[in-house]
Each structure stands twice: as C-alpha cells, then as structure tokens.
Amino acid sequence: MLRTVAMGVLIVSGVLLILTVFRKKLGWAWLSVFGTHLILAALGIYIVNFSGVLTDLHIPLNPTTIGAVTLLGLPGVLMLLGLKLTLF
C-alpha cells in the first residue's frame, strides 16, 4: 500500500515538474546551468578528497553527496565535511 502511494506521488510530481518547465518557457537553458553546477560539485568533492589537506577524510562521490553540493554550492562541501567529522 505504502509503495503504491509513493509511486503515485513520484509520478504526479514528475508530471507537474515537466508541465512547469514547458509552461514557463524555460527551454533547455536551465539544463546547461544544472550541468555546470553538477560538474563543479563533483570537482569540488574530488579536490577535497585528493588535496591532502585532511588525509583521513574522504567524501564518497555518489548521487546524494553530489546532489547536496549541487544545491548548496561550496557550503555544501563544508556541510559534508562537518558531517563526516562529527558523525564518523
């Protein structure tokens, strides 16, 4: 039952997102901006991992961490560093 509700919410939100993108005439320009943010997020995490500043600290490159850094920018990298230091 819960899985069906979750799938319904996912489908409805996806359709509404697509409608919003095409009704507002955003076009495809937002995709290049998002792609740039995505690449810079992965690059920021990569620099932190291999810079050697904190040798025992490693942030994995996965969709969750890259998504957080994509949305938050440089403070997202600092947030992940803080979480890694305090939780693990």
PDB file of N, CA and C in Angstrom:
ATOM      1  N   MET A   1       0.821  -1.192   0.000  1.00  0.00           N
ATOM      2  CA  MET A   1       0.000   0.000   0.000  1.00  0.00           C
ATOM      3  C   MET A   1       0.872   1.266   0.000  1.00  0.00           C
ATOM      4  N   LEU A   2       1.869   1.280   0.903  1.00  0.00           N
ATOM      5  CA  LEU A   2       2.745   2.448   1.002  1.00  0.00           C
ATOM      6  C   LEU A   2       3.569   2.625  -0.271  1.00  0.00           C
ATOM      7  N   ARG A   3       3.968   1.519  -0.868  1.00  0.00           N
ATOM      8  CA  ARG A   3       4.749   1.581  -2.094  1.00  0.00           C
ATOM      9  C   ARG A   3       3.925   2.168  -3.241  1.00  0.00           C
ATOM     10  N   THR A   4       2.654   1.821  -3.294  1.00  0.00           N
ATOM     11  CA  THR A   4       1.768   2.344  -4.327  1.00  0.00           C
ATOM     12  C   THR A   4       1.566   3.846  -4.160  1.00  0.00           C
ATOM     13  N   VAL A   5       1.393   4.290  -2.930  1.00  0.00           N
ATOM     14  CA  VAL A   5       1.229   5.715  -2.666  1.00  0.00           C
ATOM     15  C   VAL A   5       2.493   6.474  -3.047  1.00  0.00           C
ATOM     16  N   ALA A   6       3.647   5.934  -2.679  1.00  0.00           N
ATOM     17  CA  ALA A   6       4.918   6.582  -3.012  1.00  0.00           C
ATOM     18  C   ALA A   6       5.112   6.661  -4.522  1.00  0.00           C
ATOM     19  N   MET A   7       4.765   5.613  -5.227  1.00  0.00           N
ATOM     20  CA  MET A   7       4.898   5.611  -6.689  1.00  0.00           C
ATOM     21  C   MET A   7       3.938   6.620  -7.315  1.00  0.00           C
ATOM     22  N   GLY A   8       2.731   6.741  -6.776  1.00  0.00           N
ATOM     23  CA  GLY A   8       1.771   7.723  -7.269  1.00  0.00           C
ATOM     24  C   GLY A   8       2.259   9.146  -7.072  1.00  0.00           C
ATOM     25  N   VAL A   9       2.824   9.416  -5.892  1.00  0.00           N
ATOM     26  CA  VAL A   9       3.362  10.747  -5.617  1.00  0.00           C
ATOM     27  C   VAL A   9       4.519  11.056  -6.562  1.00  0.00           C
ATOM     28  N   LEU A  10       5.374  10.075  -6.813  1.00  0.00           N
ATOM     29  CA  LEU A  10       6.501  10.266  -7.730  1.00  0.00           C
ATOM     30  C   LEU A  10       6.012  10.579  -9.139  1.00  0.00           C
ATOM     31  N   ILE A  11       5.024   9.857  -9.610  1.00  0.00           N
ATOM     32  CA  ILE A  11       4.515  10.079 -10.966  1.00  0.00           C
ATOM     33  C   ILE A  11       3.855  11.450 -11.082  1.00  0.00           C
ATOM     34  N   VAL A  12       3.012  11.800 -10.116  1.00  0.00           N
ATOM     35  CA  VAL A  12       2.324  13.088 -10.155  1.00  0.00           C
ATOM     36  C   VAL A  12       3.324  14.237 -10.082  1.00  0.00           C
ATOM     37  N   SER A  13       4.320  14.141  -9.199  1.00  0.00           N
ATOM     38  CA  SER A  13       5.298  15.223  -9.092  1.00  0.00           C
ATOM     39  C   SER A  13       6.155  15.326 -10.349  1.00  0.00           C
ATOM     40  N   GLY A  14       6.469  14.214 -10.968  1.00  0.00           N
ATOM     41  CA  GLY A  14       7.224  14.248 -12.220  1.00  0.00           C
ATOM     42  C   GLY A  14       6.456  14.923 -13.340  1.00  0.00           C
ATOM     43  N   VAL A  15       5.176  14.588 -13.451  1.00  0.00           N
ATOM     44  CA  VAL A  15       4.332  15.209 -14.478  1.00  0.00           C
ATOM     45  C   VAL A  15       4.194  16.711 -14.224  1.00  0.00           C
ATOM     46  N   LEU A  16       3.989  17.099 -12.971  1.00  0.00           N
ATOM     47  CA  LEU A  16       3.873  18.519 -12.648  1.00  0.00           C
ATOM     48  C   LEU A  16       5.171  19.267 -12.921  1.00  0.00           C
ATOM     49  N   LEU A  17       6.304  18.632 -12.662  1.00  0.00           N
ATOM     50  CA  LEU A  17       7.591  19.261 -12.960  1.00  0.00           C
ATOM     51  C   LEU A  17       7.751  19.480 -14.457  1.00  0.00           C
ATOM     52  N   ILE A  18       7.406  18.491 -15.247  1.00  0.00           N
ATOM     53  CA  ILE A  18       7.513  18.627 -16.697  1.00  0.00           C
ATOM     54  C   ILE A  18       6.576  19.725 -17.205  1.00  0.00           C
ATOM     55  N   LEU A  19       5.362  19.770 -16.670  1.00  0.00           N
ATOM     56  CA  LEU A  19       4.422  20.827 -17.064  1.00  0.00           C
ATOM     57  C   LEU A  19       4.959  22.213 -16.695  1.00  0.00           C
ATOM     58  N   THR A  20       5.541  22.340 -15.530  1.00  0.00           N
ATOM     59  CA  THR A  20       6.084  23.621 -15.094  1.00  0.00           C
ATOM     60  C   THR A  20       7.227  24.072 -15.998  1.00  0.00           C
ATOM     61  N   VAL A  21       8.097  23.164 -16.359  1.00  0.00           N
ATOM     62  CA  VAL A  21       9.240  23.515 -17.204  1.00  0.00           C
ATOM     63  C   VAL A  21       8.778  24.003 -18.567  1.00  0.00           C
ATOM     64  N   PHE A  22       7.805  23.338 -19.154  1.00  0.00           N
ATOM     65  CA  PHE A  22       7.395  23.714 -20.501  1.00  0.00           C
ATOM     66  C   PHE A  22       6.360  24.835 -20.531  1.00  0.00           C
ATOM     67  N   ARG A  23       5.613  25.059 -19.464  1.00  0.00           N
ATOM     68  CA  ARG A  23       4.654  26.156 -19.423  1.00  0.00           C
ATOM     69  C   ARG A  23       5.347  27.490 -19.189  1.00  0.00           C
ATOM     70  N   LYS A  24       6.420  27.492 -18.451  1.00  0.00           N
ATOM     71  CA  LYS A  24       7.121  28.741 -18.143  1.00  0.00           C
ATOM     72  C   LYS A  24       8.107  29.131 -19.246  1.00  0.00           C
ATOM     73  N   LYS A  25       8.181  28.368 -20.286  1.00  0.00           N
ATOM     74  CA  LYS A  25       9.078  28.644 -21.416  1.00  0.00           C
ATOM     75  C   LYS A  25      10.533  28.731 -20.972  1.00  0.00           C
ATOM     76  N   LEU A  26      10.914  27.839 -20.062  1.00  0.00           N
ATOM     77  CA  LEU A  26      12.299  27.836 -19.602  1.00  0.00           C
ATOM     78  C   LEU A  26      13.243  27.297 -20.668  1.00  0.00           C
ATOM     79  N   GLY A  27      12.711  26.466 -21.521  1.00  0.00           N
ATOM     80  CA  GLY A  27      13.537  25.903 -22.572  1.00  0.00           C
ATOM     81  C   GLY A  27      14.581  24.948 -22.000  1.00  0.00           C
ATOM     82  N   TRP A  28      15.700  24.917 -22.677  1.00  0.00           N
ATOM     83  CA  TRP A  28      16.755  23.987 -22.271  1.00  0.00           C
ATOM     84  C   TRP A  28      17.940  24.697 -21.633  1.00  0.00           C
ATOM     85  N   ALA A  29      17.855  25.997 -21.426  1.00  0.00           N
ATOM     86  CA  ALA A  29      18.963  26.746 -20.830  1.00  0.00           C
ATOM     87  C   ALA A  29      19.224  26.305 -19.397  1.00  0.00           C
ATOM     88  N   TRP A  30      18.183  25.947 -18.667  1.00  0.00           N
ATOM     89  CA  TRP A  30      18.358  25.514 -17.284  1.00  0.00           C
ATOM     90  C   TRP A  30      19.166  24.226 -17.213  1.00  0.00           C
ATOM     91  N   LEU A  31      19.097  23.416 -18.274  1.00  0.00           N
ATOM     92  CA  LEU A  31      19.833  22.154 -18.275  1.00  0.00           C
ATOM     93  C   LEU A  31      21.337  22.393 -18.320  1.00  0.00           C
ATOM     94  N   SER A  32      21.782  23.387 -19.078  1.00  0.00           N
ATOM     95  CA  SER A  32      23.218  23.681 -19.122  1.00  0.00           C
ATOM     96  C   SER A  32      23.697  24.260 -17.795  1.00  0.00           C
ATOM     97  N   VAL A  33      22.870  25.082 -17.148  1.00  0.00           N
ATOM     98  CA  VAL A  33      23.236  25.620 -15.836  1.00  0.00           C
ATOM     99  C   VAL A  33      23.315  24.490 -14.808  1.00  0.00           C
ATOM    100  N   PHE A  34      22.335  23.598 -14.831  1.00  0.00           N
ATOM    101  CA  PHE A  34      22.348  22.465 -13.909  1.00  0.00           C
ATOM    102  C   PHE A  34      23.546  21.563 -14.164  1.00  0.00           C
ATOM    103  N   GLY A  35      23.865  21.328 -15.436  1.00  0.00           N
ATOM    104  CA  GLY A  35      25.028  20.506 -15.766  1.00  0.00           C
ATOM    105  C   GLY A  35      26.323  21.124 -15.279  1.00  0.00           C
ATOM    106  N   THR A  36      26.434  22.438 -15.400  1.00  0.00           N
ATOM    107  CA  THR A  36      27.622  23.128 -14.916  1.00  0.00           C
ATOM    108  C   THR A  36      27.738  23.000 -13.400  1.00  0.00           C
ATOM    109  N   HIS A  37      26.631  23.183 -12.696  1.00  0.00           N
ATOM    110  CA  HIS A  37      26.645  23.032 -11.239  1.00  0.00           C
ATOM    111  C   HIS A  37      27.004  21.602 -10.840  1.00  0.00           C
ATOM    112  N   LEU A  38      26.505  20.638 -11.595  1.00  0.00           N
ATOM    113  CA  LEU A  38      26.782  19.233 -11.311  1.00  0.00           C
ATOM    114  C   LEU A  38      28.266  18.928 -11.479  1.00  0.00           C
ATOM    115  N   ILE A  39      28.859  19.421 -12.538  1.00  0.00           N
ATOM    116  CA  ILE A  39      30.286  19.189 -12.785  1.00  0.00           C
ATOM    117  C   ILE A  39      31.137  19.884 -11.728  1.00  0.00           C
ATOM    118  N   LEU A  40      30.783  21.120 -11.372  1.00  0.00           N
ATOM    119  CA  LEU A  40      31.538  21.833 -10.346  1.00  0.00           C
ATOM    120  C   LEU A  40      31.397  21.173  -8.978  1.00  0.00           C
ATOM    121  N   ALA A  41      30.240  20.593  -8.692  1.00  0.00           N
ATOM    122  CA  ALA A  41      30.055  19.886  -7.426  1.00  0.00           C
ATOM    123  C   ALA A  41      30.961  18.661  -7.354  1.00  0.00           C
ATOM    124  N   ALA A  42      30.979  17.874  -8.430  1.00  0.00           N
ATOM    125  CA  ALA A  42      31.848  16.695  -8.449  1.00  0.00           C
ATOM    126  C   ALA A  42      33.312  17.103  -8.358  1.00  0.00           C
ATOM    127  N   LEU A  43      33.669  18.184  -9.025  1.00  0.00           N
ATOM    128  CA  LEU A  43      35.054  18.667  -8.972  1.00  0.00           C
ATOM    129  C   LEU A  43      35.422  19.131  -7.568  1.00  0.00           C
ATOM    130  N   GLY A  44      34.495  19.819  -6.886  1.00  0.00           N
ATOM    131  CA  GLY A  44      34.759  20.263  -5.511  1.00  0.00           C
ATOM    132  C   GLY A  44      34.987  19.106  -4.564  1.00  0.00           C
ATOM    133  N   ILE A  45      34.167  18.076  -4.669  1.00  0.00           N
ATOM    134  CA  ILE A  45      34.343  16.891  -3.810  1.00  0.00           C
ATOM    135  C   ILE A  45      35.644  16.184  -4.159  1.00  0.00           C
ATOM    136  N   TYR A  46      35.941  16.105  -5.442  1.00  0.00           N
ATOM    137  CA  TYR A  46      37.181  15.461  -5.880  1.00  0.00           C
ATOM    138  C   TYR A  46      38.404  16.198  -5.325  1.00  0.00           C
ATOM    139  N   ILE A  47      38.379  17.518  -5.350  1.00  0.00           N
ATOM    140  CA  ILE A  47      39.502  18.309  -4.827  1.00  0.00           C
ATOM    141  C   ILE A  47      39.668  18.070  -3.331  1.00  0.00           C
ATOM    142  N   VAL A  48      38.561  18.025  -2.601  1.00  0.00           N
ATOM    143  CA  VAL A  48      38.642  17.768  -1.159  1.00  0.00           C
ATOM    144  C   VAL A  48      39.227  16.383  -0.900  1.00  0.00           C
ATOM    145  N   ASN A  49      38.818  15.406  -1.675  1.00  0.00           N
ATOM    146  CA  ASN A  49      39.285  14.039  -1.454  1.00  0.00           C
ATOM    147  C   ASN A  49      40.771  13.873  -1.749  1.00  0.00           C
ATOM    148  N   PHE A  50      41.257  14.533  -2.761  1.00  0.00           N
ATOM    149  CA  PHE A  50      42.630  14.280  -3.193  1.00  0.00           C
ATOM    150  C   PHE A  50      43.589  15.438  -2.970  1.00  0.00           C
ATOM    151  N   SER A  51      43.170  16.441  -2.203  1.00  0.00           N
ATOM    152  CA  SER A  51      44.060  17.570  -1.957  1.00  0.00           C
ATOM    153  C   SER A  51      45.115  17.248  -0.908  1.00  0.00           C
ATOM    154  N   GLY A  52      44.815  16.360   0.007  1.00  0.00           N
ATOM    155  CA  GLY A  52      45.770  16.005   1.039  1.00  0.00           C
ATOM    156  C   GLY A  52      45.708  16.920   2.244  1.00  0.00           C
ATOM    157  N   VAL A  53      44.753  17.843   2.288  1.00  0.00           N
ATOM    158  CA  VAL A  53      44.641  18.745   3.430  1.00  0.00           C
ATOM    159  C   VAL A  53      44.253  17.946   4.674  1.00  0.00           C
ATOM    160  N   LEU A  54      43.245  17.149   4.556  1.00  0.00           N
ATOM    161  CA  LEU A  54      42.820  16.250   5.633  1.00  0.00           C
ATOM    162  C   LEU A  54      42.985  14.826   5.118  1.00  0.00           C
ATOM    163  N   THR A  55      44.036  14.154   5.548  1.00  0.00           N
ATOM    164  CA  THR A  55      44.383  12.866   4.952  1.00  0.00           C
ATOM    165  C   THR A  55      43.411  11.752   5.327  1.00  0.00           C
ATOM    166  N   ASP A  56      42.801  11.811   6.497  1.00  0.00           N
ATOM    167  CA  ASP A  56      41.907  10.729   6.907  1.00  0.00           C
ATOM    168  C   ASP A  56      40.450  11.021   6.571  1.00  0.00           C
ATOM    169  N   LEU A  57      40.203  11.989   5.722  1.00  0.00           N
ATOM    170  CA  LEU A  57      38.843  12.378   5.376  1.00  0.00           C
ATOM    171  C   LEU A  57      38.574  12.079   3.910  1.00  0.00           C
ATOM    172  N   HIS A  58      37.473  11.371   3.661  1.00  0.00           N
ATOM    173  CA  HIS A  58      37.100  11.015   2.300  1.00  0.00           C
ATOM    174  C   HIS A  58      35.590  11.158   2.167  1.00  0.00           C
ATOM    175  N   ILE A  59      35.141  11.954   1.212  1.00  0.00           N
ATOM    176  CA  ILE A  59      33.721  12.100   0.917  1.00  0.00           C
ATOM    177  C   ILE A  59      33.432  11.289  -0.344  1.00  0.00           C
ATOM    178  N   PRO A  60      32.541  10.314  -0.265  1.00  0.00           N
ATOM    179  CA  PRO A  60      32.277   9.485  -1.446  1.00  0.00           C
ATOM    180  C   PRO A  60      31.566  10.281  -2.542  1.00  0.00           C
ATOM    181  N   LEU A  61      31.886   9.949  -3.780  1.00  0.00           N
ATOM    182  CA  LEU A  61      31.192  10.551  -4.916  1.00  0.00           C
ATOM    183  C   LEU A  61      29.987   9.686  -5.247  1.00  0.00           C
ATOM    184  N   ASN A  62      28.835  10.072  -4.759  1.00  0.00           N
ATOM    185  CA  ASN A  62      27.599   9.363  -5.064  1.00  0.00           C
ATOM    186  C   ASN A  62      26.512  10.391  -5.325  1.00  0.00           C
ATOM    187  N   PRO A  63      25.367   9.977  -5.833  1.00  0.00           N
ATOM    188  CA  PRO A  63      24.324  10.952  -6.174  1.00  0.00           C
ATOM    189  C   PRO A  63      23.877  11.818  -4.997  1.00  0.00           C
ATOM    190  N   THR A  64      23.888  11.286  -3.794  1.00  0.00           N
ATOM    191  CA  THR A  64      23.448  12.061  -2.636  1.00  0.00           C
ATOM    192  C   THR A  64      24.417  13.198  -2.324  1.00  0.00           C
ATOM    193  N   THR A  65      25.697  12.890  -2.273  1.00  0.00           N
ATOM    194  CA  THR A  65      26.669  13.935  -1.942  1.00  0.00           C
ATOM    195  C   THR A  65      26.787  14.965  -3.063  1.00  0.00           C
ATOM    196  N   ILE A  66      26.780  14.504  -4.304  1.00  0.00           N
ATOM    197  CA  ILE A  66      26.859  15.437  -5.423  1.00  0.00           C
ATOM    198  C   ILE A  66      25.600  16.298  -5.485  1.00  0.00           C
ATOM    199  N   GLY A  67      24.447  15.717  -5.187  1.00  0.00           N
ATOM    200  CA  GLY A  67      23.205  16.490  -5.172  1.00  0.00           C
ATOM    201  C   GLY A  67      23.214  17.570  -4.104  1.00  0.00           C
ATOM    202  N   ALA A  68      23.728  17.227  -2.925  1.00  0.00           N
ATOM    203  CA  ALA A  68      23.801  18.219  -1.846  1.00  0.00           C
ATOM    204  C   ALA A  68      24.717  19.369  -2.228  1.00  0.00           C
ATOM    205  N   VAL A  69      25.854  19.053  -2.818  1.00  0.00           N
ATOM    206  CA  VAL A  69      26.802  20.099  -3.205  1.00  0.00           C
ATOM    207  C   VAL A  69      26.278  20.880  -4.412  1.00  0.00           C
ATOM    208  N   THR A  70      25.535  20.234  -5.302  1.00  0.00           N
ATOM    209  CA  THR A  70      24.944  20.935  -6.436  1.00  0.00           C
ATOM    210  C   THR A  70      23.952  21.978  -5.959  1.00  0.00           C
ATOM    211  N   LEU A  71      23.133  21.619  -4.990  1.00  0.00           N
ATOM    212  CA  LEU A  71      22.127  22.553  -4.484  1.00  0.00           C
ATOM    213  C   LEU A  71      22.729  23.635  -3.589  1.00  0.00           C
ATOM    214  N   LEU A  72      23.700  23.270  -2.760  1.00  0.00           N
ATOM    215  CA  LEU A  72      24.212  24.199  -1.762  1.00  0.00           C
ATOM    216  C   LEU A  72      25.502  24.903  -2.159  1.00  0.00           C
ATOM    217  N   GLY A  73      26.199  24.400  -3.149  1.00  0.00           N
ATOM    218  CA  GLY A  73      27.450  25.021  -3.581  1.00  0.00           C
ATOM    219  C   GLY A  73      28.585  24.694  -2.609  1.00  0.00           C
ATOM    220  N   LEU A  74      29.495  25.641  -2.431  1.00  0.00           N
ATOM    221  CA  LEU A  74      30.636  25.453  -1.536  1.00  0.00           C
ATOM    222  C   LEU A  74      30.214  25.177  -0.092  1.00  0.00           C
ATOM    223  N   PRO A  75      29.170  25.834   0.427  1.00  0.00           N
ATOM    224  CA  PRO A  75      28.723  25.457   1.774  1.00  0.00           C
ATOM    225  C   PRO A  75      28.280  23.997   1.876  1.00  0.00           C
ATOM    226  N   GLY A  76      27.861  23.420   0.769  1.00  0.00           N
ATOM    227  CA  GLY A  76      27.505  22.003   0.765  1.00  0.00           C
ATOM    228  C   GLY A  76      28.713  21.112   1.009  1.00  0.00           C
ATOM    229  N   VAL A  77      29.858  21.489   0.431  1.00  0.00           N
ATOM    230  CA  VAL A  77      31.092  20.738   0.679  1.00  0.00           C
ATOM    231  C   VAL A  77      31.474  20.851   2.145  1.00  0.00           C
ATOM    232  N   LEU A  78      31.370  22.066   2.683  1.00  0.00           N
ATOM    233  CA  LEU A  78      31.695  22.266   4.093  1.00  0.00           C
ATOM    234  C   LEU A  78      30.726  21.507   5.000  1.00  0.00           C
ATOM    235  N   MET A  79      29.446  21.448   4.614  1.00  0.00           N
ATOM    236  CA  MET A  79      28.468  20.686   5.378  1.00  0.00           C
ATOM    237  C   MET A  79      28.836  19.202   5.395  1.00  0.00           C
ATOM    238  N   LEU A  80      29.209  18.664   4.246  1.00  0.00           N
ATOM    239  CA  LEU A  80      29.590  17.253   4.187  1.00  0.00           C
ATOM    240  C   LEU A  80      30.852  16.984   4.999  1.00  0.00           C
ATOM    241  N   LEU A  81      31.794  17.915   4.960  1.00  0.00           N
ATOM    242  CA  LEU A  81      32.998  17.764   5.781  1.00  0.00           C
ATOM    243  C   LEU A  81      32.650  17.772   7.265  1.00  0.00           C
ATOM    244  N   GLY A  82      31.778  18.689   7.662  1.00  0.00           N
ATOM    245  CA  GLY A  82      31.358  18.747   9.063  1.00  0.00           C
ATOM    246  C   GLY A  82      30.620  17.494   9.497  1.00  0.00           C
ATOM    247  N   LEU A  83      29.743  16.993   8.639  1.00  0.00           N
ATOM    248  CA  LEU A  83      29.023  15.759   8.960  1.00  0.00           C
ATOM    249  C   LEU A  83      29.977  14.573   9.073  1.00  0.00           C
ATOM    250  N   LYS A  84      30.932  14.520   8.176  1.00  0.00           N
ATOM    251  CA  LYS A  84      31.894  13.414   8.203  1.00  0.00           C
ATOM    252  C   LYS A  84      32.741  13.465   9.467  1.00  0.00           C
ATOM    253  N   LEU A  85      33.142  14.669   9.883  1.00  0.00           N
ATOM    254  CA  LEU A  85      33.974  14.796  11.086  1.00  0.00           C
ATOM    255  C   LEU A  85      33.189  14.492  12.353  1.00  0.00           C
ATOM    256  N   THR A  86      31.914  14.892  12.411  1.00  0.00           N
ATOM    257  CA  THR A  86      31.158  14.707  13.649  1.00  0.00           C
ATOM    258  C   THR A  86      30.508  13.339  13.741  1.00  0.00           C
ATOM    259  N   LEU A  87      30.061  12.774  12.642  1.00  0.00           N
ATOM    260  CA  LEU A  87      29.348  11.502  12.709  1.00  0.00           C
ATOM    261  C   LEU A  87      30.233  10.272  12.595  1.00  0.00           C
ATOM    262  N   PHE A  88      31.317  10.394  11.851  1.00  0.00           N
ATOM    263  CA  PHE A  88      32.116   9.185  11.609  1.00  0.00           C
ATOM    264  C   PHE A  88      33.498   9.359  12.127  1.00  0.00           C
TER     265      PHE A  88
END
